[in-house]
C-alpha atoms as a PDB file:
ATOM      1  CA  ALA A   1     121.215  26.881 -23.164  1.00  0.00           C
ATOM      2  CA  ALA A   2     118.900  27.980 -25.919  1.00  0.00           C
ATOM      3  CA  THR A   3     116.183  25.361 -26.114  1.00  0.00           C
ATOM      4  CA  GLY A   4     113.470  27.338 -27.914  1.00  0.00           C
ATOM      5  CA  GLY A   5     109.871  26.252 -27.788  1.00  0.00           C
ATOM      6  CA  ALA A   6     110.201  22.966 -29.638  1.00  0.00           C
ATOM      7  CA  ALA A   7     109.229  20.780 -26.710  1.00  0.00           C
ATOM      8  CA  VAL A   8     107.390  21.454 -23.500  1.00  0.00           C
ATOM      9  CA  ALA A   9     107.686  19.161 -20.482  1.00  0.00           C
ATOM     10  CA  VAL A  10     104.404  18.323 -18.813  1.00  0.00           C
ATOM     11  CA  ALA A  11     104.100  17.408 -15.136  1.00  0.00           C
ATOM     12  CA  SER A  12     101.644  14.827 -13.938  1.00  0.00           C
ATOM     13  CA  SER A  13      99.369  15.370 -10.949  1.00  0.00           C
ATOM     14  CA  ALA A  14     101.797  13.336  -8.861  1.00  0.00           C
ATOM     15  CA  GLY A  15     104.643  15.657  -9.798  1.00  0.00           C
ATOM     16  CA  ALA A  16     106.491  13.212 -12.066  1.00  0.00           C
ATOM     17  CA  LYS A  17     107.283  14.456 -15.547  1.00  0.00           C
ATOM     18  CA  THR A  18     105.602  12.831 -18.505  1.00  0.00           C
ATOM     19  CA  PRO A  19     107.209  12.813 -21.971  1.00  0.00           C
ATOM     20  CA  SER A  20     107.085  16.233 -23.589  1.00  0.00           C
ATOM     21  CA  LYS A  21     105.747  16.571 -27.116  1.00  0.00           C
ATOM     22  CA  MET A  22     107.357  18.360 -30.035  1.00  0.00           C
ATOM     23  CA  ASP A  23     105.777  21.428 -31.606  1.00  0.00           C
ATOM     24  CA  GLU A  24     103.871  19.958 -34.546  1.00  0.00           C
ATOM     25  CA  ARG A  25     105.398  22.399 -37.050  1.00  0.00           C
ATOM     26  CA  ILE A  26     108.974  21.560 -36.050  1.00  0.00           C
ATOM     27  CA  PHE A  27     108.148  17.843 -35.789  1.00  0.00           C
ATOM     28  CA  THR A  28     106.766  17.845 -39.343  1.00  0.00           C
ATOM     29  CA  LEU A  29     109.705  19.814 -40.751  1.00  0.00           C
ATOM     30  CA  ASN A  30     112.226  17.460 -39.150  1.00  0.00           C
ATOM     31  CA  LYS A  31     110.376  14.410 -40.419  1.00  0.00           C
ATOM     32  CA  ILE A  32     110.186  15.770 -43.966  1.00  0.00           C
ATOM     33  CA  ILE A  33     113.926  16.519 -44.018  1.00  0.00           C
ATOM     34  CA  ILE A  34     115.034  13.160 -42.633  1.00  0.00           C
ATOM     35  CA  ASP A  35     112.536  11.122 -44.663  1.00  0.00           C
ATOM     36  CA  ARG A  36     113.571  12.845 -47.902  1.00  0.00           C
ATOM     37  CA  VAL A  37     117.275  12.292 -47.230  1.00  0.00           C
ATOM     38  CA  TYR A  38     116.600   8.658 -46.329  1.00  0.00           C
ATOM     39  CA  ASP A  39     114.461   8.171 -49.455  1.00  0.00           C
ATOM     40  CA  LEU A  40     117.277   9.660 -51.566  1.00  0.00           C
ATOM     41  CA  ILE A  41     119.787   7.195 -50.120  1.00  0.00           C
ATOM     42  CA  CYS A  42     117.351   4.307 -50.658  1.00  0.00           C
ATOM     43  CA  PHE A  43     116.874   5.377 -54.294  1.00  0.00           C
ATOM     44  CA  PHE A  44     120.590   5.449 -55.074  1.00  0.00           C
ATOM     45  CA  TYR A  45     121.446   2.473 -52.869  1.00  0.00           C
ATOM     46  CA  PRO A  46     118.712  -0.181 -52.978  1.00  0.00           C
ATOM     47  CA  VAL A  47     119.470  -3.239 -50.839  1.00  0.00           C
ATOM     48  CA  LYS A  48     120.195  -6.193 -53.143  1.00  0.00           C
ATOM     49  CA  GLY A  49     122.059  -8.635 -50.911  1.00  0.00           C
ATOM     50  CA  ASN A  50     125.472  -7.993 -52.492  1.00  0.00           C
ATOM     51  CA  ASP A  51     128.598  -6.007 -51.647  1.00  0.00           C
ATOM     52  CA  ARG A  52     127.033  -2.755 -52.866  1.00  0.00           C
ATOM     53  CA  ASP A  53     124.900  -2.838 -49.721  1.00  0.00           C
ATOM     54  CA  PHE A  54     127.994  -1.887 -47.741  1.00  0.00           C
ATOM     55  CA  ALA A  55     128.264   1.319 -49.791  1.00  0.00           C
ATOM     56  CA  ARG A  56     124.743   2.195 -48.657  1.00  0.00           C
ATOM     57  CA  PHE A  57     125.701   1.679 -45.032  1.00  0.00           C
ATOM     58  CA  PHE A  58     128.911   3.657 -45.556  1.00  0.00           C
ATOM     59  CA  VAL A  59     126.838   6.637 -46.709  1.00  0.00           C
ATOM     60  CA  LEU A  60     124.339   6.245 -43.858  1.00  0.00           C
ATOM     61  CA  GLU A  61     127.062   6.031 -41.200  1.00  0.00           C
ATOM     62  CA  THR A  62     128.965   9.002 -42.633  1.00  0.00           C
ATOM     63  CA  VAL A  63     125.865  11.172 -42.266  1.00  0.00           C
ATOM     64  CA  ALA A  64     124.567   9.660 -39.005  1.00  0.00           C
ATOM     65  CA  ARG A  65     127.697  10.464 -37.010  1.00  0.00           C
ATOM     66  CA  VAL A  66     127.777  14.157 -37.991  1.00  0.00           C
ATOM     67  CA  PRO A  67     125.194  15.455 -35.437  1.00  0.00           C
ATOM     68  CA  TYR A  68     127.324  14.353 -32.498  1.00  0.00           C
ATOM     69  CA  PHE A  69     130.186  16.503 -33.836  1.00  0.00           C
ATOM     70  CA  ALA A  70     127.765  19.402 -34.156  1.00  0.00           C
ATOM     71  CA  TYR A  71     126.473  19.020 -30.591  1.00  0.00           C
ATOM     72  CA  LEU A  72     130.034  18.918 -29.256  1.00  0.00           C
ATOM     73  CA  SER A  73     131.042  21.983 -31.272  1.00  0.00           C
ATOM     74  CA  VAL A  74     128.230  24.072 -29.814  1.00  0.00           C
ATOM     75  CA  LEU A  75     128.707  22.741 -26.279  1.00  0.00           C
ATOM     76  CA  HIS A  76     132.454  23.414 -26.412  1.00  0.00           C
ATOM     77  CA  LEU A  77     131.739  26.995 -27.475  1.00  0.00           C
ATOM     78  CA  ARG A  78     129.249  27.499 -24.652  1.00  0.00           C
ATOM     79  CA  GLU A  79     131.731  25.983 -22.214  1.00  0.00           C
ATOM     80  CA  THR A  80     134.405  28.401 -23.436  1.00  0.00           C
ATOM     81  CA  PHE A  81     132.127  31.292 -22.487  1.00  0.00           C
ATOM     82  CA  GLY A  82     131.610  29.970 -18.980  1.00  0.00           C
ATOM     83  CA  GLN A  83     128.495  27.780 -19.166  1.00  0.00           C
ATOM     84  CA  ARG A  84     128.888  24.663 -17.025  1.00  0.00           C
ATOM     85  CA  THR A  85     125.401  23.094 -17.014  1.00  0.00           C
ATOM     86  CA  THR A  86     123.110  22.239 -19.900  1.00  0.00           C
ATOM     87  CA  ASP A  87     120.485  24.807 -18.921  1.00  0.00           C
ATOM     88  CA  GLY A  88     122.848  27.417 -17.502  1.00  0.00           C
ATOM     89  CA  THR A  89     121.572  27.015 -13.922  1.00  0.00           C
ATOM     90  CA  SER A  90     123.071  25.326 -10.864  1.00  0.00           C
ATOM     91  CA  MET A  91     120.299  22.690 -11.042  1.00  0.00           C
ATOM     92  CA  GLY A  92     121.052  21.650 -14.612  1.00  0.00           C
ATOM     93  CA  GLU A  93     122.859  18.548 -15.820  1.00  0.00           C
ATOM     94  CA  GLU A  94     126.654  18.897 -15.884  1.00  0.00           C
ATOM     95  CA  MET A  95     127.516  19.841 -19.452  1.00  0.00           C
ATOM     96  CA  SER A  96     130.726  17.807 -19.295  1.00  0.00           C
ATOM     97  CA  ASP A  97     128.665  14.637 -18.709  1.00  0.00           C
ATOM     98  CA  ARG A  98     126.635  15.241 -21.840  1.00  0.00           C
ATOM     99  CA  MET A  99     129.749  16.111 -23.835  1.00  0.00           C
ATOM    100  CA  ARG A 100     131.423  12.843 -22.816  1.00  0.00           C
ATOM    101  CA  THR A 101     128.346  10.885 -23.863  1.00  0.00           C
ATOM    102  CA  HIS A 102     128.157  12.627 -27.240  1.00  0.00           C
ATOM    103  CA  TYR A 103     131.863  11.905 -27.780  1.00  0.00           C
ATOM    104  CA  ALA A 104     131.245   8.235 -26.970  1.00  0.00           C
ATOM    105  CA  GLU A 105     128.323   8.200 -29.432  1.00  0.00           C
ATOM    106  CA  ALA A 106     130.529   9.752 -32.119  1.00  0.00           C
ATOM    107  CA  ASP A 107     133.228   7.155 -31.402  1.00  0.00           C
ATOM    108  CA  ASN A 108     130.676   4.363 -31.732  1.00  0.00           C
ATOM    109  CA  GLU A 109     129.424   5.693 -35.069  1.00  0.00           C
ATOM    110  CA  LEU A 110     133.032   6.094 -36.212  1.00  0.00           C
ATOM    111  CA  HIS A 111     133.610   2.388 -35.649  1.00  0.00           C
ATOM    112  CA  HIS A 112     130.451   1.544 -37.591  1.00  0.00           C
ATOM    113  CA  LEU A 113     131.945   3.605 -40.417  1.00  0.00           C
ATOM    114  CA  LEU A 114     135.333   1.898 -40.139  1.00  0.00           C
ATOM    115  CA  ILE A 115     133.608  -1.496 -40.347  1.00  0.00           C
ATOM    116  CA  MET A 116     131.840  -0.463 -43.565  1.00  0.00           C
ATOM    117  CA  GLU A 117     135.137   0.802 -44.963  1.00  0.00           C
ATOM    118  CA  GLU A 118     136.851  -2.509 -44.183  1.00  0.00           C
ATOM    119  CA  LEU A 119     133.975  -4.236 -46.018  1.00  0.00           C
ATOM    120  CA  GLY A 120     134.696  -2.065 -49.087  1.00  0.00           C
ATOM    121  CA  GLY A 121     131.812   0.365 -48.706  1.00  0.00           C
ATOM    122  CA  ASN A 122     134.007   3.369 -49.502  1.00  0.00           C
ATOM    123  CA  SER A 123     135.822   1.881 -52.509  1.00  0.00           C
ATOM    124  CA  ASN A 124     133.934   4.012 -55.052  1.00  0.00           C
ATOM    125  CA  PRO A 125     134.962   7.707 -55.192  1.00  0.00           C
ATOM    126  CA  VAL A 126     131.414   8.692 -56.175  1.00  0.00           C
ATOM    127  CA  ASP A 127     130.075   7.148 -52.964  1.00  0.00           C
ATOM    128  CA  ARG A 128     132.708   8.988 -50.934  1.00  0.00           C
ATOM    129  CA  LEU A 129     131.916  12.301 -52.598  1.00  0.00           C
ATOM    130  CA  LEU A 130     128.170  11.922 -52.040  1.00  0.00           C
ATOM    131  CA  ALA A 131     128.546  10.868 -48.410  1.00  0.00           C
ATOM    132  CA  GLN A 132     131.048  13.590 -47.533  1.00  0.00           C
ATOM    133  CA  SER A 133     129.076  16.316 -49.304  1.00  0.00           C
ATOM    134  CA  MET A 134     125.890  15.361 -47.461  1.00  0.00           C
ATOM    135  CA  ALA A 135     127.773  15.195 -44.162  1.00  0.00           C
ATOM    136  CA  PHE A 136     129.373  18.622 -44.649  1.00  0.00           C
ATOM    137  CA  GLY A 137     126.061  20.334 -45.368  1.00  0.00           C
ATOM    138  CA  TYR A 138     124.227  18.505 -42.613  1.00  0.00           C
ATOM    139  CA  TYR A 139     126.888  19.407 -40.047  1.00  0.00           C
ATOM    140  CA  TRP A 140     126.301  23.136 -40.511  1.00  0.00           C
ATOM    141  CA  TYR A 141     122.540  22.689 -40.573  1.00  0.00           C
ATOM    142  CA  VAL A 142     122.607  20.867 -37.216  1.00  0.00           C
ATOM    143  CA  ILE A 143     124.925  23.540 -35.774  1.00  0.00           C
ATOM    144  CA  VAL A 144     122.319  26.216 -36.524  1.00  0.00           C
ATOM    145  CA  VAL A 145     119.398  24.120 -35.273  1.00  0.00           C
ATOM    146  CA  TYR A 146     121.237  23.188 -32.060  1.00  0.00           C
ATOM    147  CA  PHE A 147     121.980  26.835 -31.341  1.00  0.00           C
ATOM    148  CA  LEU A 148     118.282  27.651 -31.694  1.00  0.00           C
ATOM    149  CA  SER A 149     116.732  24.556 -30.111  1.00  0.00           C
ATOM    150  CA  GLU A 150     118.546  21.572 -28.640  1.00  0.00           C
ATOM    151  CA  GLN A 151     115.342  19.540 -28.581  1.00  0.00           C
ATOM    152  CA  ALA A 152     114.732  20.107 -32.292  1.00  0.00           C
ATOM    153  CA  ALA A 153     118.311  19.061 -33.107  1.00  0.00           C
ATOM    154  CA  TYR A 154     118.078  15.958 -30.938  1.00  0.00           C
ATOM    155  CA  HIS A 155     114.787  15.075 -32.617  1.00  0.00           C
ATOM    156  CA  LEU A 156     116.495  15.099 -36.025  1.00  0.00           C
ATOM    157  CA  SER A 157     118.916  12.451 -34.763  1.00  0.00           C
ATOM    158  CA  GLU A 158     116.140  10.508 -33.060  1.00  0.00           C
ATOM    159  CA  LEU A 159     114.525  10.122 -36.485  1.00  0.00           C
ATOM    160  CA  ILE A 160     117.838   9.164 -38.121  1.00  0.00           C
ATOM    161  CA  GLU A 161     118.640   6.526 -35.505  1.00  0.00           C
ATOM    162  CA  ASP A 162     115.142   5.059 -35.806  1.00  0.00           C
ATOM    163  CA  HIS A 163     115.627   4.725 -39.569  1.00  0.00           C
ATOM    164  CA  ALA A 164     119.057   3.193 -38.981  1.00  0.00           C
ATOM    165  CA  PHE A 165     117.682   0.570 -36.597  1.00  0.00           C
ATOM    166  CA  GLU A 166     114.905  -0.403 -39.001  1.00  0.00           C
ATOM    167  CA  THR A 167     117.340  -0.537 -41.925  1.00  0.00           C
ATOM    168  CA  TYR A 168     119.782  -2.845 -40.154  1.00  0.00           C
ATOM    169  CA  ASP A 169     116.979  -4.953 -38.696  1.00  0.00           C
ATOM    170  CA  GLY A 170     115.490  -5.490 -42.149  1.00  0.00           C
ATOM    171  CA  PHE A 171     118.915  -6.271 -43.596  1.00  0.00           C
ATOM    172  CA  LEU A 172     119.498  -8.934 -40.937  1.00  0.00           C
ATOM    173  CA  LYS A 173     116.104 -10.537 -41.524  1.00  0.00           C
ATOM    174  CA  ASN A 174     116.424 -10.586 -45.310  1.00  0.00           C
ATOM    175  CA  HIS A 175     120.121 -11.400 -45.716  1.00  0.00           C
ATOM    176  CA  GLY A 176     121.087 -13.067 -42.448  1.00  0.00           C
ATOM    177  CA  ASP A 177     122.052 -16.388 -44.049  1.00  0.00           C
ATOM    178  CA  ARG A 178     124.634 -14.668 -46.254  1.00  0.00           C
ATOM    179  CA  LEU A 179     126.054 -12.655 -43.352  1.00  0.00           C
ATOM    180  CA  LYS A 180     126.448 -15.783 -41.195  1.00  0.00           C
ATOM    181  CA  LYS A 181     128.865 -17.179 -43.779  1.00  0.00           C
ATOM    182  CA  MET A 182     131.094 -14.091 -43.777  1.00  0.00           C
ATOM    183  CA  PRO A 183     134.001 -13.479 -41.355  1.00  0.00           C
ATOM    184  CA  VAL A 184     134.210 -10.812 -38.663  1.00  0.00           C
ATOM    185  CA  PRO A 185     136.147  -7.705 -39.830  1.00  0.00           C
ATOM    186  CA  ALA A 186     139.271  -7.098 -37.764  1.00  0.00           C
ATOM    187  CA  ILE A 187     138.147  -3.595 -36.736  1.00  0.00           C
ATOM    188  CA  ALA A 188     134.850  -4.998 -35.432  1.00  0.00           C
ATOM    189  CA  SER A 189     136.615  -7.596 -33.305  1.00  0.00           C
ATOM    190  CA  LYS A 190     138.975  -4.952 -31.944  1.00  0.00           C
ATOM    191  CA  TYR A 191     136.185  -2.529 -31.052  1.00  0.00           C
ATOM    192  CA  TYR A 192     133.560  -4.901 -29.660  1.00  0.00           C
ATOM    193  CA  GLU A 193     135.740  -7.585 -28.068  1.00  0.00           C
ATOM    194  CA  LYS A 194     139.239  -6.249 -27.330  1.00  0.00           C
ATOM    195  CA  ASP A 195     139.184  -2.490 -26.710  1.00  0.00           C
ATOM    196  CA  ASN A 196     138.638  -0.963 -23.290  1.00  0.00           C
ATOM    197  CA  PRO A 197     134.800  -0.831 -22.998  1.00  0.00           C
ATOM    198  CA  PHE A 198     134.707   2.542 -21.212  1.00  0.00           C
ATOM    199  CA  LEU A 199     133.442   4.552 -24.192  1.00  0.00           C
ATOM    200  CA  PHE A 200     131.187   1.698 -25.303  1.00  0.00           C
ATOM    201  CA  ASP A 201     129.486   1.623 -21.912  1.00  0.00           C
ATOM    202  CA  LEU A 202     129.302   5.409 -21.753  1.00  0.00           C
ATOM    203  CA  PHE A 203     126.928   5.831 -24.696  1.00  0.00           C
ATOM    204  CA  CYS A 204     124.554   3.160 -23.328  1.00  0.00           C
ATOM    205  CA  THR A 205     122.783   5.606 -21.017  1.00  0.00           C
ATOM    206  CA  VAL A 206     119.379   3.887 -20.870  1.00  0.00           C
ATOM    207  CA  LYS A 207     120.075   0.427 -19.470  1.00  0.00           C
ATOM    208  CA  GLU A 208     117.842  -2.630 -19.866  1.00  0.00           C
ATOM    209  CA  ALA A 209     116.988  -4.354 -16.582  1.00  0.00           C
ATOM    210  CA  GLY A 210     117.446  -8.128 -16.408  1.00  0.00           C
ATOM    211  CA  ALA A 211     115.005 -10.646 -14.952  1.00  0.00           C
ATOM    212  CA  ASP A 212     116.582 -10.174 -11.516  1.00  0.00           C
ATOM    213  CA  GLY A 213     116.138  -6.399 -11.698  1.00  0.00           C
ATOM    214  CA  THR A 214     119.848  -5.665 -12.087  1.00  0.00           C
ATOM    215  CA  TYR A 215     121.564  -3.946 -14.991  1.00  0.00           C
ATOM    216  CA  SER A 216     124.447  -5.483 -16.896  1.00  0.00           C
ATOM    217  CA  ALA A 217     126.718  -4.044 -19.575  1.00  0.00           C
ATOM    218  CA  ARG A 218     126.598  -5.361 -23.124  1.00  0.00           C
ATOM    219  CA  ARG A 219     129.562  -7.572 -23.945  1.00  0.00           C
ATOM    220  CA  PRO A 220     129.224  -8.635 -27.581  1.00  0.00           C
ATOM    221  CA  GLU A 221     130.538 -11.960 -28.853  1.00  0.00           C
ATOM    222  CA  LEU A 222     131.235 -12.091 -32.563  1.00  0.00           C
ATOM    223  CA  LYS A 223     131.273 -15.324 -34.548  1.00  0.00           C
ATOM    224  CA  SER A 224     130.359 -13.973 -37.996  1.00  0.00           C
ATOM    225  CA  LEU A 225     129.480 -10.776 -39.831  1.00  0.00           C
ATOM    226  CA  TYR A 226     125.874 -11.423 -38.806  1.00  0.00           C
ATOM    227  CA  ASP A 227     126.802 -10.822 -35.159  1.00  0.00           C
ATOM    228  CA  VAL A 228     128.573  -7.602 -36.143  1.00  0.00           C
ATOM    229  CA  PHE A 229     125.439  -6.253 -37.802  1.00  0.00           C
ATOM    230  CA  VAL A 230     123.311  -7.335 -34.846  1.00  0.00           C
ATOM    231  CA  ASN A 231     125.506  -5.208 -32.593  1.00  0.00           C
ATOM    232  CA  ILE A 232     125.495  -2.249 -34.979  1.00  0.00           C
ATOM    233  CA  ARG A 233     121.693  -2.443 -35.065  1.00  0.00           C
ATOM    234  CA  ASP A 234     121.530  -2.592 -31.268  1.00  0.00           C
ATOM    235  CA  ASP A 235     123.925   0.358 -30.992  1.00  0.00           C
ATOM    236  CA  GLU A 236     121.520   2.433 -33.083  1.00  0.00           C
ATOM    237  CA  ARG A 237     118.704   1.563 -30.692  1.00  0.00           C
ATOM    238  CA  GLU A 238     120.861   2.706 -27.763  1.00  0.00           C
ATOM    239  CA  HIS A 239     121.394   6.057 -29.470  1.00  0.00           C
ATOM    240  CA  TRP A 240     117.677   6.319 -30.187  1.00  0.00           C
ATOM    241  CA  LYS A 241     116.765   5.744 -26.529  1.00  0.00           C
ATOM    242  CA  THR A 242     119.169   8.427 -25.340  1.00  0.00           C
ATOM    243  CA  LEU A 243     117.899  10.895 -27.924  1.00  0.00           C
ATOM    244  CA  CYS A 244     114.257  10.238 -27.026  1.00  0.00           C
ATOM    245  CA  ASN A 245     115.059  11.073 -23.417  1.00  0.00           C
ATOM    246  CA  LEU A 246     116.908  14.233 -24.419  1.00  0.00           C
ATOM    247  CA  VAL A 247     114.014  15.426 -26.564  1.00  0.00           C
ATOM    248  CA  GLN A 248     111.285  14.573 -24.091  1.00  0.00           C
ATOM    249  CA  PHE A 249     112.982  15.249 -20.733  1.00  0.00           C
ATOM    250  CA  ASN A 250     116.191  17.160 -21.555  1.00  0.00           C
ATOM    251  CA  ASP A 251     117.845  14.373 -19.559  1.00  0.00           C
ATOM    252  CA  MET A 252     119.806  11.416 -20.943  1.00  0.00           C
ATOM    253  CA  GLN A 253     118.218   9.157 -18.323  1.00  0.00           C
ATOM    254  CA  GLY A 254     114.790  10.735 -18.277  1.00  0.00           C
ATOM    255  CA  CYS A 255     112.928   7.417 -18.165  1.00  0.00           C
ATOM    256  CA  ASP A 256     113.633   3.695 -17.969  1.00  0.00           C
ATOM    257  CA  ALA A 257     114.348   1.679 -21.110  1.00  0.00           C
ATOM    258  CA  SER A 258     111.069  -0.204 -20.711  1.00  0.00           C
ATOM    259  CA  VAL A 259     108.991   2.929 -21.307  1.00  0.00           C
ATOM    260  CA  VAL A 260     111.048   4.831 -23.902  1.00  0.00           C
ATOM    261  CA  LYS A 261     108.966   5.712 -26.935  1.00  0.00           C
ATOM    262  CA  SER A 262     109.250   7.930 -29.990  1.00  0.00           C
ATOM    263  CA  THR A 263     108.575  11.624 -29.590  1.00  0.00           C
ATOM    264  CA  GLU A 264     105.041  12.648 -30.514  1.00  0.00           C
ATOM    265  CA  PRO A 265     103.880  15.922 -32.106  1.00  0.00           C
ATOM    266  CA  ARG A 266     102.011  18.532 -30.088  1.00  0.00           C
ATOM    267  CA  PRO A 267      99.230  20.205 -32.116  1.00  0.00           C
ATOM    268  CA  VAL A 268      99.570  23.945 -32.473  1.00  0.00           C
ATOM    269  CA  GLU A 269      96.824  25.756 -30.617  1.00  0.00           C
ATOM    270  CA  PRO A 270      94.764  28.062 -32.854  1.00  0.00           C
ATOM    271  CA  ALA A 271      95.266  31.766 -32.305  1.00  0.00           C
ATOM    272  CA  ALA A 272      92.727  33.381 -30.022  1.00  0.00           C
ATOM    273  CA  ALA A 273      90.064  35.463 -31.731  1.00  0.00           C
ATOM    274  CA  ALA A 274      90.549  39.217 -31.459  1.00  0.00           C
END
């Protein structure tokens, strides 16, 4: 796989890998792109504690799910031409494992989108046009970036998912009382409580250990719309953890949940004097 020079894994003296850092130039470019897009959405869709907030989340979810389609498109193409591991060697991660996880992530984001649609977030044709136009352009941009550097493409989504978590977390803190009085959408109950949890469990690649040291699957219980948004927020954090591991270790389970942290930039070394 073409991974470019965006991130370089560093080995410790004991032989264990430490988180790789992103080339500062690529890191800065990614951050500018994602921050500007996020600022644009915030400008057009300020959170006011009314039903228009769901239009904001509809736009965010429409864009946020696109990268997983792009990853799958490129991986399917590579698979068609005979590649079976993520790095093209017999020691690499099975590409089918990563493809299944990305499909599960896309399915999760789809259900976030369906929830926002049931809440009326897509009722305005202008909102639909803006969201779909942004998603179409971003899809092709991620395709190109993923071909050139998987780490750079994963970092774009790491930034998006971090924004998504903070957005939902702030929404819950500021408007939780209102959400607790609203019912659970039918699609949310179906997805979180009734559907087969196989795909749901599949995208949770970086498990949280309990007090007894064992790992347990999330099994959401929904009593109000507040609980739905809590789970959507927590889903975004799950995506973020997986993406951090992919950027820093090229491995979905590169490190334990307790030590996952955002990717850091690696300063560009000055050119040697002639």
